[in-house]
């Protein structure tokens, strides 16, 4: 069975999409019960979803914030 899964299973809190494949948790759970046509139709939408995740503004991660604070302290 074809699957878009790349074993990066992290659900984006802002969009509800998996950051690896672009599916929702419900779609991931239903994947094996979907018809081939349903899976293909969903897979056609995934690239746009992954772009949406990439384009969603995020809070800086802890390491980024630490680096920014260190740069301010050194005047860079």
C-alpha atoms as a PDB file:
ATOM      1  CA  UNK A   1       0.000   0.000   0.000  1.00  0.00           C
ATOM      2  CA  UNK A   2       1.387   3.394  -0.984  1.00  0.00           C
ATOM      3  CA  UNK A   3       1.813   5.866   1.856  1.00  0.00           C
ATOM      4  CA  UNK A   4       3.179   9.410   2.163  1.00  0.00           C
ATOM      5  CA  UNK A   5       4.619   8.629   5.606  1.00  0.00           C
ATOM      6  CA  UNK A   6       8.311   9.471   5.987  1.00  0.00           C
ATOM      7  CA  UNK A   7       8.471   8.531   9.699  1.00  0.00           C
ATOM      8  CA  UNK A   8       8.536  12.149  10.893  1.00  0.00           C
ATOM      9  CA  UNK A   9       5.355  11.981  12.928  1.00  0.00           C
ATOM     10  CA  UNK A  10       4.985  15.398  14.531  1.00  0.00           C
ATOM     11  CA  UNK A  11       1.568  17.054  14.461  1.00  0.00           C
ATOM     12  CA  UNK A  12       1.737  20.806  13.902  1.00  0.00           C
ATOM     13  CA  UNK A  13      -0.373  22.497  16.578  1.00  0.00           C
ATOM     14  CA  UNK A  14      -1.313  25.412  14.353  1.00  0.00           C
ATOM     15  CA  UNK A  15      -2.559  23.489  11.307  1.00  0.00           C
ATOM     16  CA  UNK A  16      -3.251  20.001  12.688  1.00  0.00           C
ATOM     17  CA  UNK A  17      -1.162  18.466   9.899  1.00  0.00           C
ATOM     18  CA  UNK A  18       1.705  16.010  10.328  1.00  0.00           C
ATOM     19  CA  UNK A  19       4.929  17.885   9.626  1.00  0.00           C
ATOM     20  CA  UNK A  20       6.313  14.827   7.827  1.00  0.00           C
ATOM     21  CA  UNK A  21       3.497  13.853   5.470  1.00  0.00           C
ATOM     22  CA  UNK A  22       0.832  16.568   5.760  1.00  0.00           C
ATOM     23  CA  UNK A  23      -2.035  14.326   6.875  1.00  0.00           C
ATOM     24  CA  UNK A  24      -4.262  14.944   9.901  1.00  0.00           C
ATOM     25  CA  UNK A  25      -4.380  12.446  12.754  1.00  0.00           C
ATOM     26  CA  UNK A  26      -7.808  11.322  11.563  1.00  0.00           C
ATOM     27  CA  UNK A  27      -6.503  10.753   8.024  1.00  0.00           C
ATOM     28  CA  UNK A  28      -3.489   8.842   9.327  1.00  0.00           C
ATOM     29  CA  UNK A  29      -5.784   6.606  11.391  1.00  0.00           C
ATOM     30  CA  UNK A  30      -8.154   5.982   8.485  1.00  0.00           C
ATOM     31  CA  UNK A  31      -5.424   5.425   5.885  1.00  0.00           C
ATOM     32  CA  UNK A  32      -5.693   1.625   5.767  1.00  0.00           C
ATOM     33  CA  UNK A  33      -9.480   1.734   5.403  1.00  0.00           C
ATOM     34  CA  UNK A  34      -9.487   4.296   2.581  1.00  0.00           C
ATOM     35  CA  UNK A  35      -9.890   3.199  -1.005  1.00  0.00           C
ATOM     36  CA  UNK A  36      -6.988   3.637  -3.413  1.00  0.00           C
ATOM     37  CA  UNK A  37      -8.844   6.520  -5.052  1.00  0.00           C
ATOM     38  CA  UNK A  38      -9.368   8.251  -1.691  1.00  0.00           C
ATOM     39  CA  UNK A  39      -5.692   7.850  -0.791  1.00  0.00           C
ATOM     40  CA  UNK A  40      -4.583   9.223  -4.195  1.00  0.00           C
ATOM     41  CA  UNK A  41      -6.941  12.210  -3.902  1.00  0.00           C
ATOM     42  CA  UNK A  42      -5.614  12.996  -0.442  1.00  0.00           C
ATOM     43  CA  UNK A  43      -1.997  12.600  -1.554  1.00  0.00           C
ATOM     44  CA  UNK A  44      -2.586  15.212  -4.257  1.00  0.00           C
ATOM     45  CA  UNK A  45      -3.466  17.760  -1.534  1.00  0.00           C
ATOM     46  CA  UNK A  46      -0.479  17.022   0.703  1.00  0.00           C
ATOM     47  CA  UNK A  47       2.150  19.192  -1.043  1.00  0.00           C
ATOM     48  CA  UNK A  48      -0.020  22.289  -0.519  1.00  0.00           C
ATOM     49  CA  UNK A  49      -0.494  21.378   3.128  1.00  0.00           C
ATOM     50  CA  UNK A  50       3.236  20.943   3.676  1.00  0.00           C
ATOM     51  CA  UNK A  51       3.792  24.353   2.094  1.00  0.00           C
ATOM     52  CA  UNK A  52       1.189  25.781   4.457  1.00  0.00           C
ATOM     53  CA  UNK A  53       3.052  24.322   7.433  1.00  0.00           C
ATOM     54  CA  UNK A  54       6.354  25.739   6.178  1.00  0.00           C
ATOM     55  CA  UNK A  55       4.809  29.190   5.641  1.00  0.00           C
ATOM     56  CA  UNK A  56       3.182  29.361   9.093  1.00  0.00           C
ATOM     57  CA  UNK A  57       5.034  31.807  11.379  1.00  0.00           C
ATOM     58  CA  UNK A  58       6.456  30.084  14.427  1.00  0.00           C
ATOM     59  CA  UNK A  59       7.751  31.135  17.777  1.00  0.00           C
ATOM     60  CA  UNK A  60      11.531  30.857  17.905  1.00  0.00           C
ATOM     61  CA  UNK A  61      12.827  27.690  19.491  1.00  0.00           C
ATOM     62  CA  UNK A  62      14.726  27.764  22.748  1.00  0.00           C
ATOM     63  CA  UNK A  63      18.165  27.494  21.086  1.00  0.00           C
ATOM     64  CA  UNK A  64      17.308  30.298  18.673  1.00  0.00           C
ATOM     65  CA  UNK A  65      16.198  32.531  21.542  1.00  0.00           C
ATOM     66  CA  UNK A  66      19.380  31.744  23.495  1.00  0.00           C
ATOM     67  CA  UNK A  67      21.513  32.576  20.456  1.00  0.00           C
ATOM     68  CA  UNK A  68      19.645  35.854  19.972  1.00  0.00           C
ATOM     69  CA  UNK A  69      20.131  36.788  23.636  1.00  0.00           C
ATOM     70  CA  UNK A  70      23.854  35.930  23.472  1.00  0.00           C
ATOM     71  CA  UNK A  71      24.212  38.080  20.339  1.00  0.00           C
ATOM     72  CA  UNK A  72      22.579  41.023  22.138  1.00  0.00           C
ATOM     73  CA  UNK A  73      24.941  40.621  25.086  1.00  0.00           C
ATOM     74  CA  UNK A  74      28.016  40.641  22.831  1.00  0.00           C
ATOM     75  CA  UNK A  75      26.656  43.481  20.702  1.00  0.00           C
ATOM     76  CA  UNK A  76      26.426  41.477  17.458  1.00  0.00           C
END
